[in-house]
PDB file of all heavy atoms in Angstrom:
ATOM      1  N   ALA A   1      72.362  22.810 -67.731  1.00  0.00           N
ATOM      2  CA  ALA A   1      71.880  21.805 -66.787  1.00  0.00           C
ATOM      3  C   ALA A   1      70.779  22.377 -65.901  1.00  0.00           C
ATOM      4  O   ALA A   1      69.759  21.729 -65.641  1.00  0.00           O
ATOM      5  CB  ALA A   1      73.039  21.296 -65.935  1.00  0.00           C
ATOM      6  N   ALA A   2      70.970  23.620 -65.451  1.00  0.00           N
ATOM      7  CA  ALA A   2      69.940  24.263 -64.619  1.00  0.00           C
ATOM      8  C   ALA A   2      68.655  24.490 -65.408  1.00  0.00           C
ATOM      9  O   ALA A   2      67.550  24.317 -64.896  1.00  0.00           O
ATOM     10  CB  ALA A   2      70.465  25.581 -64.076  1.00  0.00           C
ATOM     11  N   ALA A   3      68.800  24.879 -66.675  1.00  0.00           N
ATOM     12  CA  ALA A   3      67.632  25.149 -67.507  1.00  0.00           C
ATOM     13  C   ALA A   3      66.816  23.884 -67.752  1.00  0.00           C
ATOM     14  O   ALA A   3      65.598  23.936 -67.930  1.00  0.00           O
ATOM     15  CB  ALA A   3      68.056  25.746 -68.841  1.00  0.00           C
ATOM     16  N   ALA A   4      67.495  22.731 -67.757  1.00  0.00           N
ATOM     17  CA  ALA A   4      66.809  21.469 -68.004  1.00  0.00           C
ATOM     18  C   ALA A   4      66.194  20.875 -66.737  1.00  0.00           C
ATOM     19  O   ALA A   4      65.495  19.872 -66.799  1.00  0.00           O
ATOM     20  CB  ALA A   4      67.786  20.472 -68.622  1.00  0.00           C
ATOM     21  N   ALA A   5      66.479  21.498 -65.585  1.00  0.00           N
ATOM     22  CA  ALA A   5      66.044  20.926 -64.315  1.00  0.00           C
ATOM     23  C   ALA A   5      64.528  20.995 -64.113  1.00  0.00           C
ATOM     24  O   ALA A   5      63.954  20.179 -63.416  1.00  0.00           O
ATOM     25  CB  ALA A   5      66.756  21.625 -63.163  1.00  0.00           C
ATOM     26  N   GLY A   6      63.877  21.966 -64.695  1.00  0.00           N
ATOM     27  CA  GLY A   6      62.442  22.124 -64.526  1.00  0.00           C
ATOM     28  C   GLY A   6      61.990  23.445 -65.111  1.00  0.00           C
ATOM     29  O   GLY A   6      62.810  24.350 -65.306  1.00  0.00           O
ATOM     30  N   VAL A   7      60.695  23.561 -65.372  1.00  0.00           N
ATOM     31  CA  VAL A   7      60.183  24.756 -66.049  1.00  0.00           C
ATOM     32  C   VAL A   7      60.390  26.000 -65.198  1.00  0.00           C
ATOM     33  O   VAL A   7      60.875  27.026 -65.691  1.00  0.00           O
ATOM     34  CB  VAL A   7      58.687  24.581 -66.395  1.00  0.00           C
ATOM     35  CG1 VAL A   7      58.093  25.891 -66.895  1.00  0.00           C
ATOM     36  CG2 VAL A   7      58.525  23.492 -67.454  1.00  0.00           C
ATOM     37  N   PHE A   8      60.036  25.931 -63.915  1.00  0.00           N
ATOM     38  CA  PHE A   8      60.154  27.125 -63.074  1.00  0.00           C
ATOM     39  C   PHE A   8      61.603  27.565 -62.961  1.00  0.00           C
ATOM     40  O   PHE A   8      61.920  28.759 -63.125  1.00  0.00           O
ATOM     41  CB  PHE A   8      59.569  26.871 -61.688  1.00  0.00           C
ATOM     42  CG  PHE A   8      59.647  28.067 -60.769  1.00  0.00           C
ATOM     43  CD1 PHE A   8      58.812  29.162 -60.961  1.00  0.00           C
ATOM     44  CD2 PHE A   8      60.569  28.105 -59.741  1.00  0.00           C
ATOM     45  CE1 PHE A   8      58.894  30.274 -60.128  1.00  0.00           C
ATOM     46  CE2 PHE A   8      60.655  29.206 -58.896  1.00  0.00           C
ATOM     47  CZ  PHE A   8      59.813  30.294 -59.096  1.00  0.00           C
ATOM     48  N   LEU A   9      62.516  26.612 -62.708  1.00  0.00           N
ATOM     49  CA  LEU A   9      63.930  26.967 -62.588  1.00  0.00           C
ATOM     50  C   LEU A   9      64.476  27.502 -63.905  1.00  0.00           C
ATOM     51  O   LEU A   9      65.316  28.408 -63.919  1.00  0.00           O
ATOM     52  CB  LEU A   9      64.747  25.763 -62.136  1.00  0.00           C
ATOM     53  CG  LEU A   9      64.675  25.401 -60.654  1.00  0.00           C
ATOM     54  CD1 LEU A   9      65.550  24.193 -60.353  1.00  0.00           C
ATOM     55  CD2 LEU A   9      65.084  26.583 -59.779  1.00  0.00           C
ATOM     56  N   ALA A  10      64.001  26.953 -65.022  1.00  0.00           N
ATOM     57  CA  ALA A  10      64.441  27.454 -66.327  1.00  0.00           C
ATOM     58  C   ALA A  10      64.016  28.902 -66.507  1.00  0.00           C
ATOM     59  O   ALA A  10      64.775  29.726 -67.032  1.00  0.00           O
ATOM     60  CB  ALA A  10      63.871  26.580 -67.438  1.00  0.00           C
ATOM     61  N   LYS A  11      62.796  29.219 -66.078  1.00  0.00           N
ATOM     62  CA  LYS A  11      62.311  30.598 -66.197  1.00  0.00           C
ATOM     63  C   LYS A  11      63.083  31.535 -65.277  1.00  0.00           C
ATOM     64  O   LYS A  11      63.413  32.661 -65.662  1.00  0.00           O
ATOM     65  CB  LYS A  11      60.815  30.652 -65.892  1.00  0.00           C
ATOM     66  CG  LYS A  11      59.950  29.977 -66.942  1.00  0.00           C
ATOM     67  CD  LYS A  11      58.467  30.093 -66.595  1.00  0.00           C
ATOM     68  CE  LYS A  11      57.594  29.519 -67.702  1.00  0.00           C
ATOM     69  NZ  LYS A  11      56.153  29.669 -67.404  1.00  0.00           N
ATOM     70  N   VAL A  12      63.380  31.057 -64.066  1.00  0.00           N
ATOM     71  CA  VAL A  12      64.155  31.872 -63.126  1.00  0.00           C
ATOM     72  C   VAL A  12      65.569  32.103 -63.667  1.00  0.00           C
ATOM     73  O   VAL A  12      66.104  33.210 -63.589  1.00  0.00           O
ATOM     74  CB  VAL A  12      64.210  31.204 -61.732  1.00  0.00           C
ATOM     75  CG1 VAL A  12      65.205  31.925 -60.823  1.00  0.00           C
ATOM     76  CG2 VAL A  12      62.829  31.211 -61.092  1.00  0.00           C
ATOM     77  N   LEU A  13      66.161  31.057 -64.232  1.00  0.00           N
ATOM     78  CA  LEU A  13      67.498  31.203 -64.810  1.00  0.00           C
ATOM     79  C   LEU A  13      67.477  32.236 -65.931  1.00  0.00           C
ATOM     80  O   LEU A  13      68.365  33.096 -66.012  1.00  0.00           O
ATOM     81  CB  LEU A  13      67.980  29.864 -65.354  1.00  0.00           C
ATOM     82  CG  LEU A  13      69.307  29.927 -66.130  1.00  0.00           C
ATOM     83  CD1 LEU A  13      70.470  30.212 -65.186  1.00  0.00           C
ATOM     84  CD2 LEU A  13      69.556  28.643 -66.905  1.00  0.00           C
ATOM     85  N   GLY A  14      66.471  32.168 -66.802  1.00  0.00           N
ATOM     86  CA  GLY A  14      66.376  33.136 -67.886  1.00  0.00           C
ATOM     87  C   GLY A  14      66.243  34.553 -67.369  1.00  0.00           C
ATOM     88  O   GLY A  14      66.864  35.481 -67.906  1.00  0.00           O
ATOM     89  N   LEU A  15      65.434  34.724 -66.329  1.00  0.00           N
ATOM     90  CA  LEU A  15      65.277  36.048 -65.728  1.00  0.00           C
ATOM     91  C   LEU A  15      66.602  36.548 -65.181  1.00  0.00           C
ATOM     92  O   LEU A  15      66.974  37.725 -65.357  1.00  0.00           O
ATOM     93  CB  LEU A  15      64.229  35.980 -64.620  1.00  0.00           C
ATOM     94  CG  LEU A  15      63.912  37.293 -63.899  1.00  0.00           C
ATOM     95  CD1 LEU A  15      63.277  38.295 -64.852  1.00  0.00           C
ATOM     96  CD2 LEU A  15      62.993  37.033 -62.703  1.00  0.00           C
ATOM     97  N   ARG A  16      67.339  35.643 -64.535  1.00  0.00           N
ATOM     98  CA  ARG A  16      68.629  36.009 -63.951  1.00  0.00           C
ATOM     99  C   ARG A  16      69.630  36.406 -65.041  1.00  0.00           C
ATOM    100  O   ARG A  16      70.338  37.410 -64.920  1.00  0.00           O
ATOM    101  CB  ARG A  16      69.168  34.826 -63.138  1.00  0.00           C
ATOM    102  CG  ARG A  16      70.535  35.038 -62.525  1.00  0.00           C
ATOM    103  CD  ARG A  16      70.500  36.055 -61.425  1.00  0.00           C
ATOM    104  NE  ARG A  16      71.763  36.073 -60.696  1.00  0.00           N
ATOM    105  CZ  ARG A  16      72.269  37.158 -60.128  1.00  0.00           C
ATOM    106  NH1 ARG A  16      71.634  38.311 -60.232  1.00  0.00           N
ATOM    107  NH2 ARG A  16      73.396  37.103 -59.460  1.00  0.00           N
ATOM    108  N   VAL A  17      69.675  35.633 -66.124  1.00  0.00           N
ATOM    109  CA  VAL A  17      70.614  35.923 -67.204  1.00  0.00           C
ATOM    110  C   VAL A  17      70.265  37.252 -67.883  1.00  0.00           C
ATOM    111  O   VAL A  17      71.147  38.073 -68.158  1.00  0.00           O
ATOM    112  CB  VAL A  17      70.637  34.772 -68.233  1.00  0.00           C
ATOM    113  CG1 VAL A  17      71.418  35.175 -69.478  1.00  0.00           C
ATOM    114  CG2 VAL A  17      71.261  33.524 -67.603  1.00  0.00           C
ATOM    115  N   CYS A  18      68.973  37.478 -68.128  1.00  0.00           N
ATOM    116  CA  CYS A  18      68.566  38.750 -68.734  1.00  0.00           C
ATOM    117  C   CYS A  18      68.902  39.919 -67.819  1.00  0.00           C
ATOM    118  O   CYS A  18      69.310  40.994 -68.285  1.00  0.00           O
ATOM    119  CB  CYS A  18      67.066  38.739 -69.046  1.00  0.00           C
ATOM    120  SG  CYS A  18      66.610  37.646 -70.414  1.00  0.00           S
ATOM    121  N   GLY A  19      68.747  39.714 -66.503  1.00  0.00           N
ATOM    122  CA  GLY A  19      69.112  40.759 -65.548  1.00  0.00           C
ATOM    123  C   GLY A  19      70.605  41.021 -65.529  1.00  0.00           C
ATOM    124  O   GLY A  19      71.043  42.176 -65.454  1.00  0.00           O
ATOM    125  N   LEU A  20      71.414  39.960 -65.605  1.00  0.00           N
ATOM    126  CA  LEU A  20      72.869  40.132 -65.643  1.00  0.00           C
ATOM    127  C   LEU A  20      73.304  40.836 -66.920  1.00  0.00           C
ATOM    128  O   LEU A  20      74.222  41.668 -66.900  1.00  0.00           O
ATOM    129  CB  LEU A  20      73.558  38.764 -65.536  1.00  0.00           C
ATOM    130  CG  LEU A  20      73.537  38.107 -64.159  1.00  0.00           C
ATOM    131  CD1 LEU A  20      74.027  36.668 -64.251  1.00  0.00           C
ATOM    132  CD2 LEU A  20      74.386  38.893 -63.160  1.00  0.00           C
ATOM    133  N   TYR A  21      72.644  40.510 -68.015  1.00  0.00           N
ATOM    134  CA  TYR A  21      72.948  41.195 -69.278  1.00  0.00           C
ATOM    135  C   TYR A  21      72.702  42.695 -69.139  1.00  0.00           C
ATOM    136  O   TYR A  21      73.557  43.518 -69.495  1.00  0.00           O
ATOM    137  CB  TYR A  21      72.097  40.598 -70.392  1.00  0.00           C
ATOM    138  CG  TYR A  21      72.213  41.310 -71.721  1.00  0.00           C
ATOM    139  CD1 TYR A  21      73.421  41.394 -72.387  1.00  0.00           C
ATOM    140  CD2 TYR A  21      71.096  41.894 -72.311  1.00  0.00           C
ATOM    141  CE1 TYR A  21      73.535  42.042 -73.612  1.00  0.00           C
ATOM    142  CE2 TYR A  21      71.195  42.548 -73.533  1.00  0.00           C
ATOM    143  CZ  TYR A  21      72.409  42.619 -74.174  1.00  0.00           C
ATOM    144  OH  TYR A  21      72.512  43.271 -75.375  1.00  0.00           O
ATOM    145  N   ARG A  22      71.541  43.052 -68.584  1.00  0.00           N
ATOM    146  CA  ARG A  22      71.241  44.478 -68.383  1.00  0.00           C
ATOM    147  C   ARG A  22      72.255  45.125 -67.441  1.00  0.00           C
ATOM    148  O   ARG A  22      72.761  46.224 -67.711  1.00  0.00           O
ATOM    149  CB  ARG A  22      69.831  44.631 -67.807  1.00  0.00           C
ATOM    150  CG  ARG A  22      69.440  46.081 -67.516  1.00  0.00           C
ATOM    151  CD  ARG A  22      68.287  46.165 -66.547  1.00  0.00           C
ATOM    152  NE  ARG A  22      68.605  45.494 -65.287  1.00  0.00           N
ATOM    153  CZ  ARG A  22      67.718  45.293 -64.315  1.00  0.00           C
ATOM    154  NH1 ARG A  22      66.466  45.674 -64.459  1.00  0.00           N
ATOM    155  NH2 ARG A  22      68.085  44.686 -63.193  1.00  0.00           N
ATOM    156  N   ASP A  23      72.575  44.443 -66.340  1.00  0.00           N
ATOM    157  CA  ASP A  23      73.481  45.017 -65.346  1.00  0.00           C
ATOM    158  C   ASP A  23      74.877  45.268 -65.928  1.00  0.00           C
ATOM    159  O   ASP A  23      75.478  46.321 -65.685  1.00  0.00           O
ATOM    160  CB  ASP A  23      73.599  44.096 -64.130  1.00  0.00           C
ATOM    161  CG  ASP A  23      72.302  44.000 -63.340  1.00  0.00           C
ATOM    162  OD1 ASP A  23      71.387  44.829 -63.578  1.00  0.00           O
ATOM    163  OD2 ASP A  23      72.189  43.088 -62.501  1.00  0.00           O
ATOM    164  N   TRP A  24      75.388  44.311 -66.696  1.00  0.00           N
ATOM    165  CA  TRP A  24      76.748  44.452 -67.203  1.00  0.00           C
ATOM    166  C   TRP A  24      76.834  45.428 -68.377  1.00  0.00           C
ATOM    167  O   TRP A  24      77.824  46.160 -68.507  1.00  0.00           O
ATOM    168  CB  TRP A  24      77.329  43.090 -67.577  1.00  0.00           C
ATOM    169  CG  TRP A  24      77.884  42.385 -66.387  1.00  0.00           C
ATOM    170  CD1 TRP A  24      77.362  41.296 -65.745  1.00  0.00           C
ATOM    171  CD2 TRP A  24      79.058  42.745 -65.645  1.00  0.00           C
ATOM    172  NE1 TRP A  24      78.135  40.956 -64.666  1.00  0.00           N
ATOM    173  CE2 TRP A  24      79.185  41.814 -64.579  1.00  0.00           C
ATOM    174  CE3 TRP A  24      80.022  43.740 -65.790  1.00  0.00           C
ATOM    175  CZ2 TRP A  24      80.237  41.872 -63.659  1.00  0.00           C
ATOM    176  CZ3 TRP A  24      81.067  43.803 -64.869  1.00  0.00           C
ATOM    177  CH2 TRP A  24      81.171  42.875 -63.824  1.00  0.00           C
ATOM    178  N   VAL A  25      75.801  45.465 -69.207  1.00  0.00           N
ATOM    179  CA  VAL A  25      75.808  46.461 -70.288  1.00  0.00           C
ATOM    180  C   VAL A  25      75.719  47.870 -69.695  1.00  0.00           C
ATOM    181  O   VAL A  25      76.426  48.785 -70.117  1.00  0.00           O
ATOM    182  CB  VAL A  25      74.655  46.200 -71.276  1.00  0.00           C
ATOM    183  CG1 VAL A  25      74.516  47.345 -72.264  1.00  0.00           C
ATOM    184  CG2 VAL A  25      74.895  44.903 -72.039  1.00  0.00           C
ATOM    185  N   SER A  26      74.867  48.033 -68.686  1.00  0.00           N
ATOM    186  CA  SER A  26      74.731  49.328 -68.023  1.00  0.00           C
ATOM    187  C   SER A  26      76.034  49.720 -67.320  1.00  0.00           C
ATOM    188  O   SER A  26      76.462  50.882 -67.368  1.00  0.00           O
ATOM    189  CB  SER A  26      73.576  49.274 -67.020  1.00  0.00           C
ATOM    190  OG  SER A  26      73.479  50.476 -66.293  1.00  0.00           O
ATOM    191  N   ARG A  27      76.679  48.735 -66.668  1.00  0.00           N
ATOM    192  CA  ARG A  27      77.943  48.996 -65.981  1.00  0.00           C
ATOM    193  C   ARG A  27      79.026  49.396 -66.982  1.00  0.00           C
ATOM    194  O   ARG A  27      79.833  50.302 -66.736  1.00  0.00           O
ATOM    195  CB  ARG A  27      78.361  47.744 -65.217  1.00  0.00           C
ATOM    196  CG  ARG A  27      79.618  47.843 -64.383  1.00  0.00           C
ATOM    197  CD  ARG A  27      79.469  48.801 -63.239  1.00  0.00           C
ATOM    198  NE  ARG A  27      80.017  50.104 -63.547  1.00  0.00           N
ATOM    199  CZ  ARG A  27      79.900  51.160 -62.763  1.00  0.00           C
ATOM    200  NH1 ARG A  27      79.247  51.069 -61.623  1.00  0.00           N
ATOM    201  NH2 ARG A  27      80.427  52.313 -63.107  1.00  0.00           N
ATOM    202  N   THR A  28      79.039  48.719 -68.139  1.00  0.00           N
ATOM    203  CA  THR A  28      80.012  49.052 -69.179  1.00  0.00           C
ATOM    204  C   THR A  28      79.778  50.474 -69.692  1.00  0.00           C
ATOM    205  O   THR A  28      80.739  51.226 -69.913  1.00  0.00           O
ATOM    206  CB  THR A  28      79.914  48.050 -70.345  1.00  0.00           C
ATOM    207  OG1 THR A  28      80.138  46.722 -69.846  1.00  0.00           O
ATOM    208  CG2 THR A  28      80.935  48.357 -71.429  1.00  0.00           C
ATOM    209  N   GLU A  29      78.518  50.827 -69.875  1.00  0.00           N
ATOM    210  CA  GLU A  29      78.200  52.197 -70.305  1.00  0.00           C
ATOM    211  C   GLU A  29      78.747  53.209 -69.304  1.00  0.00           C
ATOM    212  O   GLU A  29      79.366  54.220 -69.682  1.00  0.00           O
ATOM    213  CB  GLU A  29      76.690  52.370 -70.446  1.00  0.00           C
ATOM    214  CG  GLU A  29      76.286  53.784 -70.854  1.00  0.00           C
ATOM    215  CD  GLU A  29      74.805  54.069 -70.674  1.00  0.00           C
ATOM    216  OE1 GLU A  29      74.058  53.161 -70.286  1.00  0.00           O
ATOM    217  OE2 GLU A  29      74.411  55.227 -70.904  1.00  0.00           O
ATOM    218  N   ALA A  30      78.530  52.959 -68.023  1.00  0.00           N
ATOM    219  CA  ALA A  30      79.000  53.889 -66.998  1.00  0.00           C
ATOM    220  C   ALA A  30      80.529  53.961 -66.967  1.00  0.00           C
ATOM    221  O   ALA A  30      81.104  55.045 -66.830  1.00  0.00           O
ATOM    222  CB  ALA A  30      78.455  53.467 -65.624  1.00  0.00           C
ATOM    223  N   ASP A  31      81.189  52.815 -67.093  1.00  0.00           N
ATOM    224  CA  ASP A  31      82.660  52.795 -67.034  1.00  0.00           C
ATOM    225  C   ASP A  31      83.253  53.546 -68.222  1.00  0.00           C
ATOM    226  O   ASP A  31      84.231  54.290 -68.071  1.00  0.00           O
ATOM    227  CB  ASP A  31      83.160  51.350 -67.008  1.00  0.00           C
ATOM    228  CG  ASP A  31      82.842  50.643 -65.694  1.00  0.00           C
ATOM    229  OD1 ASP A  31      82.603  51.359 -64.693  1.00  0.00           O
ATOM    230  OD2 ASP A  31      82.822  49.416 -65.679  1.00  0.00           O
ATOM    231  N   LEU A  32      82.690  53.327 -69.394  1.00  0.00           N
ATOM    232  CA  LEU A  32      83.181  54.054 -70.571  1.00  0.00           C
ATOM    233  C   LEU A  32      82.851  55.539 -70.481  1.00  0.00           C
ATOM    234  O   LEU A  32      83.622  56.392 -70.936  1.00  0.00           O
ATOM    235  CB  LEU A  32      82.572  53.456 -71.848  1.00  0.00           C
ATOM    236  CG  LEU A  32      83.081  52.071 -72.226  1.00  0.00           C
ATOM    237  CD1 LEU A  32      82.154  51.431 -73.256  1.00  0.00           C
ATOM    238  CD2 LEU A  32      84.506  52.150 -72.787  1.00  0.00           C
ATOM    239  N   GLY A  33      81.707  55.865 -69.892  1.00  0.00           N
ATOM    240  CA  GLY A  33      81.304  57.255 -69.759  1.00  0.00           C
ATOM    241  C   GLY A  33      82.295  58.077 -68.957  1.00  0.00           C
ATOM    242  O   GLY A  33      82.453  59.283 -69.197  1.00  0.00           O
ATOM    243  N   GLN A  34      82.996  57.426 -68.027  1.00  0.00           N
ATOM    244  CA  GLN A  34      83.990  58.150 -67.230  1.00  0.00           C
ATOM    245  C   GLN A  34      85.230  58.518 -68.055  1.00  0.00           C
ATOM    246  O   GLN A  34      86.040  59.326 -67.628  1.00  0.00           O
ATOM    247  CB  GLN A  34      84.392  57.299 -66.012  1.00  0.00           C
ATOM    248  CG  GLN A  34      83.250  57.122 -65.029  1.00  0.00           C
ATOM    249  CD  GLN A  34      83.672  56.364 -63.781  1.00  0.00           C
ATOM    250  OE1 GLN A  34      84.856  56.242 -63.484  1.00  0.00           O
ATOM    251  NE2 GLN A  34      82.708  55.841 -63.055  1.00  0.00           N
ATOM    252  N   LEU A  35      85.378  57.874 -69.207  1.00  0.00           N
ATOM    253  CA  LEU A  35      86.509  58.175 -70.091  1.00  0.00           C
ATOM    254  C   LEU A  35      86.135  59.114 -71.225  1.00  0.00           C
ATOM    255  O   LEU A  35      87.002  59.527 -71.993  1.00  0.00           O
ATOM    256  CB  LEU A  35      87.079  56.882 -70.690  1.00  0.00           C
ATOM    257  CG  LEU A  35      87.578  55.848 -69.692  1.00  0.00           C
ATOM    258  CD1 LEU A  35      88.079  54.612 -70.436  1.00  0.00           C
ATOM    259  CD2 LEU A  35      88.692  56.413 -68.819  1.00  0.00           C
ATOM    260  N   VAL A  36      84.849  59.425 -71.347  1.00  0.00           N
ATOM    261  CA  VAL A  36      84.387  60.300 -72.434  1.00  0.00           C
ATOM    262  C   VAL A  36      84.348  61.730 -71.943  1.00  0.00           C
ATOM    263  O   VAL A  36      83.637  62.040 -70.980  1.00  0.00           O
ATOM    264  CB  VAL A  36      82.998  59.867 -72.935  1.00  0.00           C
ATOM    265  CG1 VAL A  36      82.481  60.840 -73.996  1.00  0.00           C
ATOM    266  CG2 VAL A  36      83.044  58.466 -73.519  1.00  0.00           C
TER     267      VAL A  36
END
């Protein structure tokens, strides 16, 4: 619904999702690293 709201908001949403993907993958790497 947010992506369909307008071009600028769709681009901002995409940026946010890509940032969350990076943040959580990086966080997972760090959490697993403490067990290695």
